[in-house]
Structure formats: C-alpha cells, structure tokens
Amino acid sequence: MSIDEEVLKILRSVLQVGPGGAQLRADSALMGNVAELDSMAVVSILTAIEEKFGFSIDDDEVDGRMFASVSSLTHFVRAKLDS
C-alpha cells in the first residue's frame, strides 16, 4: 500500500467517517471542513502515523498547515520518512 493510501486509511479509521470517508482524497480539505477532526482526533492521527511509519513527531512539528488537507499531511509523512 502506498503512503497516500496508508494516510487515507489512518484518517478514515481515526475519524470514523464511514462510507462518506471514501470521499476523502488527496486534495480533500481537513481542518475546518471535517467535523470529526478535533484535538483528540489530531492526537490519535499523529499516534497512528508514528506507529505505522516508525518515527516520532515532536510537538514543535505540529501546526495547522499539516492538517490543511490530506495531501499536506501526506507530504509531512513523506518528509519525515526522507529525513
């Protein structure tokens, strides 16, 4: 499974968006557009990403831009994997 697919899988699972989750795509906006994306969901998503991809995310790396869209979150994961 690609990084894009893994990130989407994590988002759908954590946000429990159900059948409508299939509408999440790389260009889907997150922050302010997905009601299920609250502070607890952000923590759960970050934890799931850390576990899946095997890296740690420092508090100072987390900001709203990371959760602007599915693609911005995927870009962050790729950058962490490349570092």
PDB file of N, CA and C in Angstrom:
ATOM      1  N   MET A   1       0.846  -1.171   0.000  1.00  0.00           N
ATOM      2  CA  MET A   1       0.000   0.000   0.000  1.00  0.00           C
ATOM      3  C   MET A   1       0.897   1.242   0.000  1.00  0.00           C
ATOM      4  N   SER A   2       0.523   2.247  -0.778  1.00  0.00           N
ATOM      5  CA  SER A   2       1.327   3.461  -0.876  1.00  0.00           C
ATOM      6  C   SER A   2       1.162   4.332   0.378  1.00  0.00           C
ATOM      7  N   ILE A   3       2.046   5.301   0.522  1.00  0.00           N
ATOM      8  CA  ILE A   3       1.964   6.235   1.644  1.00  0.00           C
ATOM      9  C   ILE A   3       0.630   6.975   1.606  1.00  0.00           C
ATOM     10  N   ASP A   4       0.220   7.408   0.410  1.00  0.00           N
ATOM     11  CA  ASP A   4      -1.065   8.102   0.270  1.00  0.00           C
ATOM     12  C   ASP A   4      -2.215   7.241   0.791  1.00  0.00           C
ATOM     13  N   GLU A   5      -2.227   5.987   0.386  1.00  0.00           N
ATOM     14  CA  GLU A   5      -3.298   5.073   0.800  1.00  0.00           C
ATOM     15  C   GLU A   5      -3.258   4.809   2.298  1.00  0.00           C
ATOM     16  N   GLU A   6      -2.054   4.689   2.853  1.00  0.00           N
ATOM     17  CA  GLU A   6      -1.917   4.445   4.291  1.00  0.00           C
ATOM     18  C   GLU A   6      -2.432   5.637   5.102  1.00  0.00           C
ATOM     19  N   VAL A   7      -2.083   6.839   4.665  1.00  0.00           N
ATOM     20  CA  VAL A   7      -2.544   8.042   5.373  1.00  0.00           C
ATOM     21  C   VAL A   7      -4.069   8.140   5.291  1.00  0.00           C
ATOM     22  N   LEU A   8      -4.626   7.889   4.131  1.00  0.00           N
ATOM     23  CA  LEU A   8      -6.086   7.897   3.992  1.00  0.00           C
ATOM     24  C   LEU A   8      -6.735   6.845   4.880  1.00  0.00           C
ATOM     25  N   LYS A   9      -6.139   5.681   4.947  1.00  0.00           N
ATOM     26  CA  LYS A   9      -6.660   4.602   5.797  1.00  0.00           C
ATOM     27  C   LYS A   9      -6.660   5.023   7.260  1.00  0.00           C
ATOM     28  N   ILE A  10      -5.584   5.653   7.704  1.00  0.00           N
ATOM     29  CA  ILE A  10      -5.492   6.140   9.084  1.00  0.00           C
ATOM     30  C   ILE A  10      -6.568   7.193   9.337  1.00  0.00           C
ATOM     31  N   LEU A  11      -6.698   8.150   8.432  1.00  0.00           N
ATOM     32  CA  LEU A  11      -7.693   9.206   8.599  1.00  0.00           C
ATOM     33  C   LEU A  11      -9.105   8.629   8.689  1.00  0.00           C
ATOM     34  N   ARG A  12      -9.434   7.727   7.788  1.00  0.00           N
ATOM     35  CA  ARG A  12     -10.774   7.132   7.792  1.00  0.00           C
ATOM     36  C   ARG A  12     -11.037   6.357   9.077  1.00  0.00           C
ATOM     37  N   SER A  13     -10.023   5.649   9.533  1.00  0.00           N
ATOM     38  CA  SER A  13     -10.172   4.849  10.748  1.00  0.00           C
ATOM     39  C   SER A  13     -10.342   5.734  11.981  1.00  0.00           C
ATOM     40  N   VAL A  14      -9.455   6.691  12.155  1.00  0.00           N
ATOM     41  CA  VAL A  14      -9.485   7.539  13.346  1.00  0.00           C
ATOM     42  C   VAL A  14     -10.717   8.438  13.351  1.00  0.00           C
ATOM     43  N   LEU A  15     -11.031   9.012  12.212  1.00  0.00           N
ATOM     44  CA  LEU A  15     -12.163   9.939  12.139  1.00  0.00           C
ATOM     45  C   LEU A  15     -13.503   9.218  12.079  1.00  0.00           C
ATOM     46  N   GLN A  16     -13.448   7.911  11.848  1.00  0.00           N
ATOM     47  CA  GLN A  16     -14.653   7.085  11.761  1.00  0.00           C
ATOM     48  C   GLN A  16     -15.697   7.737  10.867  1.00  0.00           C
ATOM     49  N   VAL A  17     -15.256   8.089   9.661  1.00  0.00           N
ATOM     50  CA  VAL A  17     -16.134   8.790   8.745  1.00  0.00           C
ATOM     51  C   VAL A  17     -17.055   7.865   7.962  1.00  0.00           C
ATOM     52  N   GLY A  18     -16.877   6.568   8.110  1.00  0.00           N
ATOM     53  CA  GLY A  18     -17.778   5.617   7.485  1.00  0.00           C
ATOM     54  C   GLY A  18     -17.773   5.699   5.972  1.00  0.00           C
ATOM     55  N   PRO A  19     -18.916   5.378   5.342  1.00  0.00           N
ATOM     56  CA  PRO A  19     -18.976   5.351   3.879  1.00  0.00           C
ATOM     57  C   PRO A  19     -18.586   6.683   3.246  1.00  0.00           C
ATOM     58  N   GLY A  20     -18.904   7.774   3.891  1.00  0.00           N
ATOM     59  CA  GLY A  20     -18.510   9.086   3.368  1.00  0.00           C
ATOM     60  C   GLY A  20     -17.012   9.274   3.361  1.00  0.00           C
ATOM     61  N   GLY A  21     -16.306   8.452   4.114  1.00  0.00           N
ATOM     62  CA  GLY A  21     -14.853   8.520   4.153  1.00  0.00           C
ATOM     63  C   GLY A  21     -14.223   8.204   2.824  1.00  0.00           C
ATOM     64  N   ALA A  22     -14.964   7.478   2.002  1.00  0.00           N
ATOM     65  CA  ALA A  22     -14.454   7.162   0.677  1.00  0.00           C
ATOM     66  C   ALA A  22     -14.282   8.431  -0.150  1.00  0.00           C
ATOM     67  N   GLN A  23     -14.943   9.508   0.271  1.00  0.00           N
ATOM     68  CA  GLN A  23     -14.834  10.778  -0.444  1.00  0.00           C
ATOM     69  C   GLN A  23     -13.544  11.519  -0.089  1.00  0.00           C
ATOM     70  N   LEU A  24     -12.828  11.073   0.934  1.00  0.00           N
ATOM     71  CA  LEU A  24     -11.545  11.691   1.258  1.00  0.00           C
ATOM     72  C   LEU A  24     -10.546  11.342   0.165  1.00  0.00           C
ATOM     73  N   ARG A  25      -9.959  12.378  -0.418  1.00  0.00           N
ATOM     74  CA  ARG A  25      -8.942  12.210  -1.449  1.00  0.00           C
ATOM     75  C   ARG A  25      -7.757  13.091  -1.085  1.00  0.00           C
ATOM     76  N   ALA A  26      -6.717  13.010  -1.867  1.00  0.00           N
ATOM     77  CA  ALA A  26      -5.506  13.785  -1.596  1.00  0.00           C
ATOM     78  C   ALA A  26      -5.786  15.276  -1.521  1.00  0.00           C
ATOM     79  N   ASP A  27      -6.721  15.756  -2.312  1.00  0.00           N
ATOM     80  CA  ASP A  27      -6.996  17.191  -2.332  1.00  0.00           C
ATOM     81  C   ASP A  27      -8.098  17.603  -1.355  1.00  0.00           C
ATOM     82  N   SER A  28      -8.578  16.655  -0.560  1.00  0.00           N
ATOM     83  CA  SER A  28      -9.643  16.969   0.404  1.00  0.00           C
ATOM     84  C   SER A  28      -9.114  17.855   1.524  1.00  0.00           C
ATOM     85  N   ALA A  29      -9.848  18.932   1.789  1.00  0.00           N
ATOM     86  CA  ALA A  29      -9.507  19.812   2.907  1.00  0.00           C
ATOM     87  C   ALA A  29      -9.881  19.116   4.213  1.00  0.00           C
ATOM     88  N   LEU A  30      -9.090  19.333   5.242  1.00  0.00           N
ATOM     89  CA  LEU A  30      -9.345  18.712   6.539  1.00  0.00           C
ATOM     90  C   LEU A  30      -9.767  19.743   7.580  1.00  0.00           C
ATOM     91  N   MET A  31      -8.819  20.536   8.052  1.00  0.00           N
ATOM     92  CA  MET A  31      -9.070  21.478   9.136  1.00  0.00           C
ATOM     93  C   MET A  31     -10.195  22.446   8.760  1.00  0.00           C
ATOM     94  N   GLY A  32     -11.228  22.457   9.575  1.00  0.00           N
ATOM     95  CA  GLY A  32     -12.360  23.330   9.331  1.00  0.00           C
ATOM     96  C   GLY A  32     -13.400  22.752   8.394  1.00  0.00           C
ATOM     97  N   ASN A  33     -13.098  21.608   7.767  1.00  0.00           N
ATOM     98  CA  ASN A  33     -14.037  21.001   6.822  1.00  0.00           C
ATOM     99  C   ASN A  33     -14.513  19.620   7.243  1.00  0.00           C
ATOM    100  N   VAL A  34     -13.794  18.998   8.144  1.00  0.00           N
ATOM    101  CA  VAL A  34     -14.178  17.672   8.623  1.00  0.00           C
ATOM    102  C   VAL A  34     -14.528  17.815  10.098  1.00  0.00           C
ATOM    103  N   ALA A  35     -15.811  17.725  10.388  1.00  0.00           N
ATOM    104  CA  ALA A  35     -16.292  17.968  11.757  1.00  0.00           C
ATOM    105  C   ALA A  35     -15.651  17.036  12.781  1.00  0.00           C
ATOM    106  N   GLU A  36     -15.317  15.832  12.356  1.00  0.00           N
ATOM    107  CA  GLU A  36     -14.734  14.849  13.279  1.00  0.00           C
ATOM    108  C   GLU A  36     -13.287  15.165  13.657  1.00  0.00           C
ATOM    109  N   LEU A  37     -12.664  16.104  12.960  1.00  0.00           N
ATOM    110  CA  LEU A  37     -11.256  16.430  13.212  1.00  0.00           C
ATOM    111  C   LEU A  37     -11.164  17.449  14.341  1.00  0.00           C
ATOM    112  N   ASP A  38     -11.138  16.927  15.576  1.00  0.00           N
ATOM    113  CA  ASP A  38     -10.970  17.778  16.748  1.00  0.00           C
ATOM    114  C   ASP A  38      -9.594  17.503  17.354  1.00  0.00           C
ATOM    115  N   SER A  39      -9.301  18.118  18.476  1.00  0.00           N
ATOM    116  CA  SER A  39      -7.971  17.982  19.070  1.00  0.00           C
ATOM    117  C   SER A  39      -7.641  16.537  19.454  1.00  0.00           C
ATOM    118  N   MET A  40      -8.622  15.802  19.926  1.00  0.00           N
ATOM    119  CA  MET A  40      -8.380  14.389  20.272  1.00  0.00           C
ATOM    120  C   MET A  40      -8.110  13.563  19.023  1.00  0.00           C
ATOM    121  N   ALA A  41      -8.802  13.867  17.938  1.00  0.00           N
ATOM    122  CA  ALA A  41      -8.578  13.162  16.682  1.00  0.00           C
ATOM    123  C   ALA A  41      -7.175  13.452  16.148  1.00  0.00           C
ATOM    124  N   VAL A  42      -6.720  14.697  16.280  1.00  0.00           N
ATOM    125  CA  VAL A  42      -5.368  15.051  15.834  1.00  0.00           C
ATOM    126  C   VAL A  42      -4.336  14.213  16.578  1.00  0.00           C
ATOM    127  N   VAL A  43      -4.478  14.111  17.883  1.00  0.00           N
ATOM    128  CA  VAL A  43      -3.547  13.304  18.685  1.00  0.00           C
ATOM    129  C   VAL A  43      -3.598  11.847  18.239  1.00  0.00           C
ATOM    130  N   SER A  44      -4.782  11.319  18.012  1.00  0.00           N
ATOM    131  CA  SER A  44      -4.928   9.924  17.581  1.00  0.00           C
ATOM    132  C   SER A  44      -4.323   9.696  16.199  1.00  0.00           C
ATOM    133  N   ILE A  45      -4.514  10.638  15.298  1.00  0.00           N
ATOM    134  CA  ILE A  45      -3.936  10.526  13.957  1.00  0.00           C
ATOM    135  C   ILE A  45      -2.414  10.535  14.032  1.00  0.00           C
ATOM    136  N   LEU A  46      -1.869  11.465  14.806  1.00  0.00           N
ATOM    137  CA  LEU A  46      -0.412  11.545  14.930  1.00  0.00           C
ATOM    138  C   LEU A  46       0.159  10.273  15.541  1.00  0.00           C
ATOM    139  N   THR A  47      -0.502   9.724  16.544  1.00  0.00           N
ATOM    140  CA  THR A  47      -0.054   8.488  17.173  1.00  0.00           C
ATOM    141  C   THR A  47      -0.099   7.334  16.173  1.00  0.00           C
ATOM    142  N   ALA A  48      -1.178   7.241  15.418  1.00  0.00           N
ATOM    143  CA  ALA A  48      -1.310   6.171  14.427  1.00  0.00           C
ATOM    144  C   ALA A  48      -0.236   6.294  13.342  1.00  0.00           C
ATOM    145  N   ILE A  49       0.066   7.515  12.925  1.00  0.00           N
ATOM    146  CA  ILE A  49       1.112   7.737  11.920  1.00  0.00           C
ATOM    147  C   ILE A  49       2.474   7.324  12.479  1.00  0.00           C
ATOM    148  N   GLU A  50       2.760   7.713  13.712  1.00  0.00           N
ATOM    149  CA  GLU A  50       4.030   7.333  14.340  1.00  0.00           C
ATOM    150  C   GLU A  50       4.174   5.813  14.390  1.00  0.00           C
ATOM    151  N   GLU A  51       3.117   5.139  14.783  1.00  0.00           N
ATOM    152  CA  GLU A  51       3.156   3.682  14.891  1.00  0.00           C
ATOM    153  C   GLU A  51       3.294   3.013  13.520  1.00  0.00           C
ATOM    154  N   LYS A  52       2.559   3.492  12.539  1.00  0.00           N
ATOM    155  CA  LYS A  52       2.570   2.890  11.209  1.00  0.00           C
ATOM    156  C   LYS A  52       3.902   3.078  10.504  1.00  0.00           C
ATOM    157  N   PHE A  53       4.452   4.296  10.590  1.00  0.00           N
ATOM    158  CA  PHE A  53       5.640   4.612   9.811  1.00  0.00           C
ATOM    159  C   PHE A  53       6.937   4.561  10.615  1.00  0.00           C
ATOM    160  N   GLY A  54       6.848   4.360  11.926  1.00  0.00           N
ATOM    161  CA  GLY A  54       8.036   4.139  12.733  1.00  0.00           C
ATOM    162  C   GLY A  54       8.903   5.354  12.994  1.00  0.00           C
ATOM    163  N   PHE A  55       8.315   6.514  13.132  1.00  0.00           N
ATOM    164  CA  PHE A  55       9.074   7.703  13.517  1.00  0.00           C
ATOM    165  C   PHE A  55       8.306   8.466  14.585  1.00  0.00           C
ATOM    166  N   SER A  56       9.010   9.398  15.224  1.00  0.00           N
ATOM    167  CA  SER A  56       8.393  10.232  16.256  1.00  0.00           C
ATOM    168  C   SER A  56       8.119  11.619  15.696  1.00  0.00           C
ATOM    169  N   ILE A  57       7.034  12.215  16.168  1.00  0.00           N
ATOM    170  CA  ILE A  57       6.674  13.570  15.766  1.00  0.00           C
ATOM    171  C   ILE A  57       6.790  14.462  16.993  1.00  0.00           C
ATOM    172  N   ASP A  58       7.676  15.457  16.915  1.00  0.00           N
ATOM    173  CA  ASP A  58       7.853  16.396  18.017  1.00  0.00           C
ATOM    174  C   ASP A  58       6.716  17.407  18.026  1.00  0.00           C
ATOM    175  N   ASP A  59       6.388  17.899  19.219  1.00  0.00           N
ATOM    176  CA  ASP A  59       5.305  18.881  19.363  1.00  0.00           C
ATOM    177  C   ASP A  59       5.508  20.103  18.480  1.00  0.00           C
ATOM    178  N   ASP A  60       6.764  20.550  18.329  1.00  0.00           N
ATOM    179  CA  ASP A  60       7.018  21.759  17.548  1.00  0.00           C
ATOM    180  C   ASP A  60       6.891  21.539  16.039  1.00  0.00           C
ATOM    181  N   GLU A  61       6.687  20.290  15.612  1.00  0.00           N
ATOM    182  CA  GLU A  61       6.473  19.997  14.200  1.00  0.00           C
ATOM    183  C   GLU A  61       4.991  20.088  13.814  1.00  0.00           C
ATOM    184  N   VAL A  62       4.135  20.121  14.806  1.00  0.00           N
ATOM    185  CA  VAL A  62       2.695  20.073  14.564  1.00  0.00           C
ATOM    186  C   VAL A  62       2.118  21.484  14.481  1.00  0.00           C
ATOM    187  N   ASP A  63       1.446  21.754  13.364  1.00  0.00           N
ATOM    188  CA  ASP A  63       0.740  23.027  13.219  1.00  0.00           C
ATOM    189  C   ASP A  63      -0.457  22.828  12.293  1.00  0.00           C
ATOM    190  N   GLY A  64      -1.253  23.837  12.163  1.00  0.00           N
ATOM    191  CA  GLY A  64      -2.464  23.755  11.363  1.00  0.00           C
ATOM    192  C   GLY A  64      -2.214  23.470   9.894  1.00  0.00           C
ATOM    193  N   ARG A  65      -1.074  23.911   9.388  1.00  0.00           N
ATOM    194  CA  ARG A  65      -0.763  23.670   7.967  1.00  0.00           C
ATOM    195  C   ARG A  65      -0.648  22.193   7.664  1.00  0.00           C
ATOM    196  N   MET A  66      -0.167  21.424   8.629  1.00  0.00           N
ATOM    197  CA  MET A  66      -0.025  19.984   8.452  1.00  0.00           C
ATOM    198  C   MET A  66      -1.387  19.342   8.188  1.00  0.00           C
ATOM    199  N   PHE A  67      -2.434  19.868   8.826  1.00  0.00           N
ATOM    200  CA  PHE A  67      -3.773  19.311   8.708  1.00  0.00           C
ATOM    201  C   PHE A  67      -4.675  20.122   7.785  1.00  0.00           C
ATOM    202  N   ALA A  68      -4.083  20.925   6.911  1.00  0.00           N
ATOM    203  CA  ALA A  68      -4.874  21.710   5.964  1.00  0.00           C
ATOM    204  C   ALA A  68      -5.602  20.803   4.975  1.00  0.00           C
ATOM    205  N   SER A  69      -4.938  19.744   4.536  1.00  0.00           N
ATOM    206  CA  SER A  69      -5.538  18.818   3.573  1.00  0.00           C
ATOM    207  C   SER A  69      -4.911  17.442   3.740  1.00  0.00           C
ATOM    208  N   VAL A  70      -5.493  16.485   3.072  1.00  0.00           N
ATOM    209  CA  VAL A  70      -4.919  15.136   3.088  1.00  0.00           C
ATOM    210  C   VAL A  70      -3.524  15.186   2.483  1.00  0.00           C
ATOM    211  N   SER A  71      -3.355  15.928   1.403  1.00  0.00           N
ATOM    212  CA  SER A  71      -2.043  15.984   0.749  1.00  0.00           C
ATOM    213  C   SER A  71      -0.984  16.657   1.619  1.00  0.00           C
ATOM    214  N   SER A  72      -1.355  17.655   2.407  1.00  0.00           N
ATOM    215  CA  SER A  72      -0.363  18.293   3.275  1.00  0.00           C
ATOM    216  C   SER A  72       0.076  17.329   4.381  1.00  0.00           C
ATOM    217  N   LEU A  73      -0.835  16.516   4.872  1.00  0.00           N
ATOM    218  CA  LEU A  73      -0.474  15.515   5.879  1.00  0.00           C
ATOM    219  C   LEU A  73       0.414  14.438   5.257  1.00  0.00           C
ATOM    220  N   THR A  74       0.069  14.017   4.058  1.00  0.00           N
ATOM    221  CA  THR A  74       0.879  13.021   3.353  1.00  0.00           C
ATOM    222  C   THR A  74       2.270  13.579   3.050  1.00  0.00           C
ATOM    223  N   HIS A  75       2.339  14.845   2.663  1.00  0.00           N
ATOM    224  CA  HIS A  75       3.628  15.494   2.407  1.00  0.00           C
ATOM    225  C   HIS A  75       4.493  15.489   3.668  1.00  0.00           C
ATOM    226  N   PHE A  76       3.890  15.767   4.818  1.00  0.00           N
ATOM    227  CA  PHE A  76       4.614  15.746   6.076  1.00  0.00           C
ATOM    228  C   PHE A  76       5.178  14.347   6.341  1.00  0.00           C
ATOM    229  N   VAL A  77       4.361  13.321   6.136  1.00  0.00           N
ATOM    230  CA  VAL A  77       4.811  11.940   6.362  1.00  0.00           C
ATOM    231  C   VAL A  77       5.979  11.609   5.433  1.00  0.00           C
ATOM    232  N   ARG A  78       5.878  11.973   4.172  1.00  0.00           N
ATOM    233  CA  ARG A  78       6.970  11.715   3.228  1.00  0.00           C
ATOM    234  C   ARG A  78       8.250  12.424   3.666  1.00  0.00           C
ATOM    235  N   ALA A  79       8.137  13.665   4.076  1.00  0.00           N
ATOM    236  CA  ALA A  79       9.313  14.428   4.505  1.00  0.00           C
ATOM    237  C   ALA A  79       9.962  13.770   5.720  1.00  0.00           C
ATOM    238  N   LYS A  80       9.156  13.282   6.655  1.00  0.00           N
ATOM    239  CA  LYS A  80       9.707  12.595   7.838  1.00  0.00           C
ATOM    240  C   LYS A  80      10.410  11.302   7.418  1.00  0.00           C
ATOM    241  N   LEU A  81       9.849  10.581   6.496  1.00  0.00           N
ATOM    242  CA  LEU A  81      10.459   9.333   6.041  1.00  0.00           C
ATOM    243  C   LEU A  81      11.759   9.578   5.303  1.00  0.00           C
ATOM    244  N   ASP A  82      11.851  10.715   4.625  1.00  0.00           N
ATOM    245  CA  ASP A  82      13.054  11.048   3.846  1.00  0.00           C
ATOM    246  C   ASP A  82      14.161  11.641   4.709  1.00  0.00           C
ATOM    247  N   SER A  83      13.827  12.048   5.944  1.00  0.00           N
ATOM    248  CA  SER A  83      14.857  12.697   6.779  1.00  0.00           C
ATOM    249  C   SER A  83      15.653  11.697   7.575  1.00  0.00           C
TER     250      SER A  83
END
